[in-house]
């Protein structure tokens, strides 16, 4: 069981008037997803359950997740993992 992050991209996020790159955090189970989110300082209200359960991460939180063991996936592999998780 694991948590995964995709590559940072420009998805239209603007924080304090500046565009910021962000990515997505997913996991093999919801328990793992929420545990990682807590460990990197995310609020539960930031959880996005629709389509594919995930959290959006800024660059510093992505780096923290990777430090804690999240697996970095390229775009293609990440989409494949999403499809796998949806099919369960």
C-alpha atoms as a PDB file:
ATOM      1  CA  UNK A   1       0.000   0.000   0.000  1.00  0.00           C
ATOM      2  CA  UNK A   2       1.284   3.454  -0.850  1.00  0.00           C
ATOM      3  CA  UNK A   3       0.616   7.135  -1.500  1.00  0.00           C
ATOM      4  CA  UNK A   4       1.425   8.726  -4.839  1.00  0.00           C
ATOM      5  CA  UNK A   5       2.067  12.228  -6.198  1.00  0.00           C
ATOM      6  CA  UNK A   6       2.157  13.350  -9.809  1.00  0.00           C
ATOM      7  CA  UNK A   7       4.395  15.982 -11.366  1.00  0.00           C
ATOM      8  CA  UNK A   8       3.910  19.629 -10.495  1.00  0.00           C
ATOM      9  CA  UNK A   9       1.921  21.552 -13.068  1.00  0.00           C
ATOM     10  CA  UNK A  10       0.107  24.796 -13.677  1.00  0.00           C
ATOM     11  CA  UNK A  11      -3.529  23.987 -12.959  1.00  0.00           C
ATOM     12  CA  UNK A  12      -4.692  27.567 -12.468  1.00  0.00           C
ATOM     13  CA  UNK A  13      -3.962  27.923  -8.768  1.00  0.00           C
ATOM     14  CA  UNK A  14      -3.509  31.470  -7.527  1.00  0.00           C
ATOM     15  CA  UNK A  15      -2.391  32.018  -3.922  1.00  0.00           C
ATOM     16  CA  UNK A  16      -1.923  35.509  -2.526  1.00  0.00           C
ATOM     17  CA  UNK A  17      -2.047  36.926  -6.039  1.00  0.00           C
ATOM     18  CA  UNK A  18       0.610  34.619  -7.487  1.00  0.00           C
ATOM     19  CA  UNK A  19       0.219  31.614  -9.763  1.00  0.00           C
ATOM     20  CA  UNK A  20       1.582  28.488  -8.099  1.00  0.00           C
ATOM     21  CA  UNK A  21       2.313  25.051  -9.388  1.00  0.00           C
ATOM     22  CA  UNK A  22       0.497  22.178  -7.734  1.00  0.00           C
ATOM     23  CA  UNK A  23      -0.007  18.434  -7.991  1.00  0.00           C
ATOM     24  CA  UNK A  24      -2.239  15.666  -6.667  1.00  0.00           C
ATOM     25  CA  UNK A  25      -1.940  13.196  -3.802  1.00  0.00           C
ATOM     26  CA  UNK A  26      -3.700   9.834  -4.106  1.00  0.00           C
ATOM     27  CA  UNK A  27      -3.311   6.542  -2.243  1.00  0.00           C
ATOM     28  CA  UNK A  28      -4.179   2.866  -2.361  1.00  0.00           C
ATOM     29  CA  UNK A  29      -6.636   3.376   0.503  1.00  0.00           C
ATOM     30  CA  UNK A  30      -8.535   6.285   1.995  1.00  0.00           C
ATOM     31  CA  UNK A  31      -6.952   5.610   5.389  1.00  0.00           C
ATOM     32  CA  UNK A  32      -3.480   6.022   3.871  1.00  0.00           C
ATOM     33  CA  UNK A  33      -4.546   9.103   1.932  1.00  0.00           C
ATOM     34  CA  UNK A  34      -5.909  10.875   5.004  1.00  0.00           C
ATOM     35  CA  UNK A  35      -2.977   9.786   7.183  1.00  0.00           C
ATOM     36  CA  UNK A  36      -0.489  11.259   4.705  1.00  0.00           C
ATOM     37  CA  UNK A  37      -2.561  14.432   4.429  1.00  0.00           C
ATOM     38  CA  UNK A  38      -2.483  14.887   8.212  1.00  0.00           C
ATOM     39  CA  UNK A  39       1.258  14.172   8.286  1.00  0.00           C
ATOM     40  CA  UNK A  40       1.969  16.954   5.773  1.00  0.00           C
ATOM     41  CA  UNK A  41      -0.329  19.478   7.447  1.00  0.00           C
ATOM     42  CA  UNK A  42      -3.421  19.296   5.267  1.00  0.00           C
ATOM     43  CA  UNK A  43      -6.931  20.035   6.537  1.00  0.00           C
ATOM     44  CA  UNK A  44      -9.600  17.383   6.048  1.00  0.00           C
ATOM     45  CA  UNK A  45     -11.812  20.027   4.453  1.00  0.00           C
ATOM     46  CA  UNK A  46      -9.315  20.155   1.546  1.00  0.00           C
ATOM     47  CA  UNK A  47     -10.089  16.522   0.643  1.00  0.00           C
ATOM     48  CA  UNK A  48     -11.692  16.162  -2.783  1.00  0.00           C
ATOM     49  CA  UNK A  49     -13.838  13.014  -2.870  1.00  0.00           C
ATOM     50  CA  UNK A  50     -15.483  13.454  -6.278  1.00  0.00           C
ATOM     51  CA  UNK A  51     -14.191  11.674  -9.393  1.00  0.00           C
ATOM     52  CA  UNK A  52     -10.947  10.422  -7.840  1.00  0.00           C
ATOM     53  CA  UNK A  53     -10.403  10.908  -4.099  1.00  0.00           C
ATOM     54  CA  UNK A  54      -7.365  13.169  -3.715  1.00  0.00           C
ATOM     55  CA  UNK A  55      -5.776  16.226  -2.194  1.00  0.00           C
ATOM     56  CA  UNK A  56      -4.207  19.047  -4.204  1.00  0.00           C
ATOM     57  CA  UNK A  57      -0.685  19.868  -3.013  1.00  0.00           C
ATOM     58  CA  UNK A  58       1.558  22.878  -3.354  1.00  0.00           C
ATOM     59  CA  UNK A  59       5.241  22.337  -4.091  1.00  0.00           C
ATOM     60  CA  UNK A  60       6.386  22.388  -0.427  1.00  0.00           C
ATOM     61  CA  UNK A  61       3.711  19.897   0.644  1.00  0.00           C
ATOM     62  CA  UNK A  62       4.578  17.648  -2.303  1.00  0.00           C
ATOM     63  CA  UNK A  63       8.218  17.652  -1.187  1.00  0.00           C
ATOM     64  CA  UNK A  64       7.155  16.797   2.383  1.00  0.00           C
ATOM     65  CA  UNK A  65       4.958  13.923   1.150  1.00  0.00           C
ATOM     66  CA  UNK A  66       7.883  12.522  -0.851  1.00  0.00           C
ATOM     67  CA  UNK A  67      10.127  12.800   2.228  1.00  0.00           C
ATOM     68  CA  UNK A  68       7.526  10.736   4.110  1.00  0.00           C
ATOM     69  CA  UNK A  69       7.461   8.040   1.432  1.00  0.00           C
ATOM     70  CA  UNK A  70       4.981   9.129  -1.245  1.00  0.00           C
ATOM     71  CA  UNK A  71       5.909   7.636  -4.600  1.00  0.00           C
ATOM     72  CA  UNK A  72       6.557  10.100  -7.429  1.00  0.00           C
ATOM     73  CA  UNK A  73       4.852   9.090 -10.672  1.00  0.00           C
ATOM     74  CA  UNK A  74       5.060  10.620 -14.128  1.00  0.00           C
ATOM     75  CA  UNK A  75       1.822  11.787 -15.715  1.00  0.00           C
ATOM     76  CA  UNK A  76       1.123   8.590 -17.684  1.00  0.00           C
ATOM     77  CA  UNK A  77       1.816   6.279 -14.746  1.00  0.00           C
ATOM     78  CA  UNK A  78      -0.226   8.482 -12.412  1.00  0.00           C
ATOM     79  CA  UNK A  79      -3.251   8.332 -14.741  1.00  0.00           C
ATOM     80  CA  UNK A  80      -2.851   4.553 -14.910  1.00  0.00           C
ATOM     81  CA  UNK A  81      -2.818   4.375 -11.119  1.00  0.00           C
ATOM     82  CA  UNK A  82      -5.975   6.526 -10.978  1.00  0.00           C
ATOM     83  CA  UNK A  83      -7.724   4.152 -13.362  1.00  0.00           C
ATOM     84  CA  UNK A  84      -6.633   1.172 -11.285  1.00  0.00           C
ATOM     85  CA  UNK A  85      -7.943   2.766  -8.076  1.00  0.00           C
ATOM     86  CA  UNK A  86     -11.271   3.700  -9.703  1.00  0.00           C
ATOM     87  CA  UNK A  87     -11.803   0.124 -10.875  1.00  0.00           C
ATOM     88  CA  UNK A  88     -11.573  -1.257  -7.311  1.00  0.00           C
END
